[in-house]
């Protein structure tokens, strides 16, 4: 019976992630499930990380993906976030969002040094603009913590 339930959960991963109760089920599988189950969830959410991060409930699931995913799984998600298409900056959109800004903070906490350097290099270019946004200020202070107070570019 257990495997049938897990299969059903995995099949409905994207829907459950956005549900006020279903997101807890997804978080539980990410925290305590088998490696291949976690990988399947992360692969299903990949491609929708930005949108999911901007959802009140799914943002918690995305945070768990970073907490419990392995380096390759985190890398897959980070690449999607730092990808810039014509006039569309995923990372900037996330940093200004009321839910996604927490995902960005969680990524900075959980990623490896190489991933952090990549993210910080992208974030630093936006620090001035972020100071103008309520949720962007959270990112500015987190970056300053990570870089040491003088590490982030000053207002001069």
C-alpha atoms as a PDB file:
ATOM      1  CA  UNK A   1       0.000   0.000   0.000  1.00  0.00           C
ATOM      2  CA  UNK A   2       2.813   2.435   0.908  1.00  0.00           C
ATOM      3  CA  UNK A   3       4.380   2.385  -2.545  1.00  0.00           C
ATOM      4  CA  UNK A   4       0.990   3.067  -4.184  1.00  0.00           C
ATOM      5  CA  UNK A   5       0.635   6.190  -2.050  1.00  0.00           C
ATOM      6  CA  UNK A   6       4.187   7.329  -2.832  1.00  0.00           C
ATOM      7  CA  UNK A   7       3.584   6.772  -6.563  1.00  0.00           C
ATOM      8  CA  UNK A   8       0.407   8.868  -6.365  1.00  0.00           C
ATOM      9  CA  UNK A   9       2.252  11.627  -4.483  1.00  0.00           C
ATOM     10  CA  UNK A  10       5.072  11.669  -7.039  1.00  0.00           C
ATOM     11  CA  UNK A  11       2.597  11.779  -9.916  1.00  0.00           C
ATOM     12  CA  UNK A  12       0.868  14.841  -8.407  1.00  0.00           C
ATOM     13  CA  UNK A  13       4.037  16.581  -7.174  1.00  0.00           C
ATOM     14  CA  UNK A  14       3.419  19.974  -8.800  1.00  0.00           C
ATOM     15  CA  UNK A  15      -0.215  20.166  -7.705  1.00  0.00           C
ATOM     16  CA  UNK A  16       0.524  19.028  -4.144  1.00  0.00           C
ATOM     17  CA  UNK A  17       3.423  21.472  -3.793  1.00  0.00           C
ATOM     18  CA  UNK A  18       1.041  24.399  -4.340  1.00  0.00           C
ATOM     19  CA  UNK A  19      -1.657  23.132  -1.977  1.00  0.00           C
ATOM     20  CA  UNK A  20      -1.991  24.477   1.567  1.00  0.00           C
ATOM     21  CA  UNK A  21      -1.892  20.929   2.962  1.00  0.00           C
ATOM     22  CA  UNK A  22      -0.273  19.017   0.108  1.00  0.00           C
ATOM     23  CA  UNK A  23       2.930  21.022   0.460  1.00  0.00           C
ATOM     24  CA  UNK A  24       3.501  19.360   3.849  1.00  0.00           C
ATOM     25  CA  UNK A  25       3.247  15.941   2.217  1.00  0.00           C
ATOM     26  CA  UNK A  26       5.850  16.984  -0.359  1.00  0.00           C
ATOM     27  CA  UNK A  27       8.157  18.369   2.328  1.00  0.00           C
ATOM     28  CA  UNK A  28       7.870  15.116   4.275  1.00  0.00           C
ATOM     29  CA  UNK A  29       8.863  13.024   1.240  1.00  0.00           C
ATOM     30  CA  UNK A  30      11.804  15.360   0.536  1.00  0.00           C
ATOM     31  CA  UNK A  31      12.968  15.101   4.164  1.00  0.00           C
ATOM     32  CA  UNK A  32      12.384  11.419   4.831  1.00  0.00           C
ATOM     33  CA  UNK A  33      11.811   9.732   1.473  1.00  0.00           C
ATOM     34  CA  UNK A  34      14.238   7.614  -0.531  1.00  0.00           C
ATOM     35  CA  UNK A  35      16.860   9.284  -2.703  1.00  0.00           C
ATOM     36  CA  UNK A  36      15.139   8.322  -5.957  1.00  0.00           C
ATOM     37  CA  UNK A  37      11.818   9.759  -4.677  1.00  0.00           C
ATOM     38  CA  UNK A  38      13.501  13.042  -3.782  1.00  0.00           C
ATOM     39  CA  UNK A  39      15.210  13.093  -7.189  1.00  0.00           C
ATOM     40  CA  UNK A  40      11.883  12.521  -8.951  1.00  0.00           C
ATOM     41  CA  UNK A  41      10.239  15.410  -7.081  1.00  0.00           C
ATOM     42  CA  UNK A  42      13.146  17.745  -7.830  1.00  0.00           C
ATOM     43  CA  UNK A  43      13.118  16.769 -11.517  1.00  0.00           C
ATOM     44  CA  UNK A  44       9.364  17.421 -11.709  1.00  0.00           C
ATOM     45  CA  UNK A  45       9.736  20.843 -10.076  1.00  0.00           C
ATOM     46  CA  UNK A  46      12.746  21.741 -12.241  1.00  0.00           C
ATOM     47  CA  UNK A  47      11.570  24.039 -15.002  1.00  0.00           C
ATOM     48  CA  UNK A  48       9.080  25.671 -12.641  1.00  0.00           C
ATOM     49  CA  UNK A  49      11.366  26.734  -9.797  1.00  0.00           C
ATOM     50  CA  UNK A  50      10.752  30.463 -10.221  1.00  0.00           C
ATOM     51  CA  UNK A  51       6.956  30.150 -10.402  1.00  0.00           C
ATOM     52  CA  UNK A  52       6.854  27.645  -7.546  1.00  0.00           C
ATOM     53  CA  UNK A  53       9.095  29.873  -5.415  1.00  0.00           C
ATOM     54  CA  UNK A  54       6.604  32.708  -5.813  1.00  0.00           C
ATOM     55  CA  UNK A  55       3.778  30.547  -4.439  1.00  0.00           C
ATOM     56  CA  UNK A  56       3.031  30.773  -0.712  1.00  0.00           C
ATOM     57  CA  UNK A  57       2.977  26.988  -0.230  1.00  0.00           C
ATOM     58  CA  UNK A  58       5.262  25.695  -2.983  1.00  0.00           C
ATOM     59  CA  UNK A  59       8.060  28.035  -1.868  1.00  0.00           C
ATOM     60  CA  UNK A  60       8.444  25.877   1.262  1.00  0.00           C
ATOM     61  CA  UNK A  61       8.775  22.783  -0.924  1.00  0.00           C
ATOM     62  CA  UNK A  62      11.453  24.461  -3.060  1.00  0.00           C
ATOM     63  CA  UNK A  63      13.368  25.378   0.112  1.00  0.00           C
ATOM     64  CA  UNK A  64      13.297  21.694   1.140  1.00  0.00           C
ATOM     65  CA  UNK A  65      14.635  20.737  -2.303  1.00  0.00           C
ATOM     66  CA  UNK A  66      17.711  22.832  -1.528  1.00  0.00           C
ATOM     67  CA  UNK A  67      18.021  21.550   2.040  1.00  0.00           C
ATOM     68  CA  UNK A  68      17.769  17.874   1.126  1.00  0.00           C
ATOM     69  CA  UNK A  69      18.879  17.734  -2.516  1.00  0.00           C
ATOM     70  CA  UNK A  70      22.394  16.637  -3.422  1.00  0.00           C
ATOM     71  CA  UNK A  71      24.898  18.924  -5.159  1.00  0.00           C
ATOM     72  CA  UNK A  72      23.795  17.912  -8.682  1.00  0.00           C
ATOM     73  CA  UNK A  73      20.103  18.418  -7.835  1.00  0.00           C
ATOM     74  CA  UNK A  74      20.793  21.850  -6.325  1.00  0.00           C
ATOM     75  CA  UNK A  75      22.880  22.708  -9.364  1.00  0.00           C
ATOM     76  CA  UNK A  76      19.999  21.852 -11.698  1.00  0.00           C
ATOM     77  CA  UNK A  77      17.705  24.235  -9.802  1.00  0.00           C
ATOM     78  CA  UNK A  78      20.304  26.997  -9.407  1.00  0.00           C
ATOM     79  CA  UNK A  79      21.082  26.988 -13.144  1.00  0.00           C
ATOM     80  CA  UNK A  80      17.415  27.591 -13.845  1.00  0.00           C
ATOM     81  CA  UNK A  81      17.345  30.516 -11.416  1.00  0.00           C
ATOM     82  CA  UNK A  82      20.473  32.277 -12.711  1.00  0.00           C
ATOM     83  CA  UNK A  83      19.460  31.765 -16.343  1.00  0.00           C
ATOM     84  CA  UNK A  84      18.712  35.082 -17.988  1.00  0.00           C
ATOM     85  CA  UNK A  85      16.570  35.251 -21.080  1.00  0.00           C
ATOM     86  CA  UNK A  86      15.750  38.330 -23.135  1.00  0.00           C
ATOM     87  CA  UNK A  87      14.428  40.891 -20.654  1.00  0.00           C
ATOM     88  CA  UNK A  88      13.723  38.217 -18.046  1.00  0.00           C
ATOM     89  CA  UNK A  89      15.919  37.943 -14.962  1.00  0.00           C
ATOM     90  CA  UNK A  90      14.680  35.033 -12.839  1.00  0.00           C
ATOM     91  CA  UNK A  91      16.933  35.781  -9.891  1.00  0.00           C
ATOM     92  CA  UNK A  92      15.901  39.444  -9.694  1.00  0.00           C
ATOM     93  CA  UNK A  93      12.208  38.510  -9.877  1.00  0.00           C
ATOM     94  CA  UNK A  94      12.706  36.020  -7.040  1.00  0.00           C
ATOM     95  CA  UNK A  95      14.642  38.453  -4.856  1.00  0.00           C
ATOM     96  CA  UNK A  96      11.816  41.014  -5.088  1.00  0.00           C
ATOM     97  CA  UNK A  97       9.055  38.484  -4.349  1.00  0.00           C
ATOM     98  CA  UNK A  98       7.462  38.113  -0.914  1.00  0.00           C
ATOM     99  CA  UNK A  99       7.931  34.319  -0.875  1.00  0.00           C
ATOM    100  CA  UNK A 100      10.745  33.663  -3.341  1.00  0.00           C
ATOM    101  CA  UNK A 101      13.174  35.949  -1.485  1.00  0.00           C
ATOM    102  CA  UNK A 102      13.199  33.369   1.319  1.00  0.00           C
ATOM    103  CA  UNK A 103      14.023  30.660  -1.216  1.00  0.00           C
ATOM    104  CA  UNK A 104      17.012  32.715  -2.417  1.00  0.00           C
ATOM    105  CA  UNK A 105      18.167  33.120   1.196  1.00  0.00           C
ATOM    106  CA  UNK A 106      17.841  29.357   1.767  1.00  0.00           C
ATOM    107  CA  UNK A 107      19.843  28.683  -1.400  1.00  0.00           C
ATOM    108  CA  UNK A 108      22.640  30.958  -0.181  1.00  0.00           C
ATOM    109  CA  UNK A 109      22.659  29.067   3.143  1.00  0.00           C
ATOM    110  CA  UNK A 110      22.644  25.548   1.701  1.00  0.00           C
ATOM    111  CA  UNK A 111      24.651  25.709  -1.542  1.00  0.00           C
ATOM    112  CA  UNK A 112      28.331  24.884  -1.901  1.00  0.00           C
ATOM    113  CA  UNK A 113      31.048  27.538  -2.249  1.00  0.00           C
ATOM    114  CA  UNK A 114      31.091  27.436  -6.065  1.00  0.00           C
ATOM    115  CA  UNK A 115      27.297  27.811  -6.302  1.00  0.00           C
ATOM    116  CA  UNK A 116      27.350  30.611  -3.704  1.00  0.00           C
ATOM    117  CA  UNK A 117      30.010  32.524  -5.662  1.00  0.00           C
ATOM    118  CA  UNK A 118      27.909  32.287  -8.834  1.00  0.00           C
ATOM    119  CA  UNK A 119      24.786  33.512  -7.035  1.00  0.00           C
ATOM    120  CA  UNK A 120      26.562  36.301  -5.159  1.00  0.00           C
ATOM    121  CA  UNK A 121      28.147  37.563  -8.385  1.00  0.00           C
ATOM    122  CA  UNK A 122      24.640  37.884  -9.867  1.00  0.00           C
ATOM    123  CA  UNK A 123      23.062  39.309  -6.697  1.00  0.00           C
ATOM    124  CA  UNK A 124      25.711  41.995  -6.187  1.00  0.00           C
ATOM    125  CA  UNK A 125      24.786  43.655  -9.472  1.00  0.00           C
ATOM    126  CA  UNK A 126      21.273  44.206  -8.135  1.00  0.00           C
ATOM    127  CA  UNK A 127      22.005  45.409  -4.582  1.00  0.00           C
ATOM    128  CA  UNK A 128      21.170  49.069  -5.246  1.00  0.00           C
ATOM    129  CA  UNK A 129      17.833  48.214  -6.870  1.00  0.00           C
ATOM    130  CA  UNK A 130      16.986  45.656  -4.162  1.00  0.00           C
ATOM    131  CA  UNK A 131      17.281  48.259  -1.404  1.00  0.00           C
ATOM    132  CA  UNK A 132      14.126  49.887  -2.834  1.00  0.00           C
ATOM    133  CA  UNK A 133      12.000  46.768  -2.387  1.00  0.00           C
ATOM    134  CA  UNK A 134      10.553  45.553   0.888  1.00  0.00           C
ATOM    135  CA  UNK A 135      11.519  41.947   0.220  1.00  0.00           C
ATOM    136  CA  UNK A 136      14.719  42.820  -1.599  1.00  0.00           C
ATOM    137  CA  UNK A 137      16.077  44.331   1.621  1.00  0.00           C
ATOM    138  CA  UNK A 138      16.078  40.835   3.162  1.00  0.00           C
ATOM    139  CA  UNK A 139      18.458  39.685   0.428  1.00  0.00           C
ATOM    140  CA  UNK A 140      20.703  42.736   0.854  1.00  0.00           C
ATOM    141  CA  UNK A 141      21.125  42.042   4.571  1.00  0.00           C
ATOM    142  CA  UNK A 142      21.739  38.318   3.950  1.00  0.00           C
ATOM    143  CA  UNK A 143      24.412  39.120   1.342  1.00  0.00           C
ATOM    144  CA  UNK A 144      26.040  41.573   3.746  1.00  0.00           C
ATOM    145  CA  UNK A 145      26.078  38.842   6.426  1.00  0.00           C
ATOM    146  CA  UNK A 146      27.654  36.340   4.036  1.00  0.00           C
ATOM    147  CA  UNK A 147      30.243  38.761   2.686  1.00  0.00           C
ATOM    148  CA  UNK A 148      30.954  40.529   5.946  1.00  0.00           C
ATOM    149  CA  UNK A 149      29.535  44.007   6.381  1.00  0.00           C
ATOM    150  CA  UNK A 150      31.921  45.581   3.866  1.00  0.00           C
ATOM    151  CA  UNK A 151      31.571  42.812   1.285  1.00  0.00           C
ATOM    152  CA  UNK A 152      28.441  44.172  -0.351  1.00  0.00           C
ATOM    153  CA  UNK A 153      28.819  47.298  -2.449  1.00  0.00           C
ATOM    154  CA  UNK A 154      28.149  50.459  -0.473  1.00  0.00           C
ATOM    155  CA  UNK A 155      25.829  53.333  -1.308  1.00  0.00           C
ATOM    156  CA  UNK A 156      28.622  55.700  -2.418  1.00  0.00           C
END
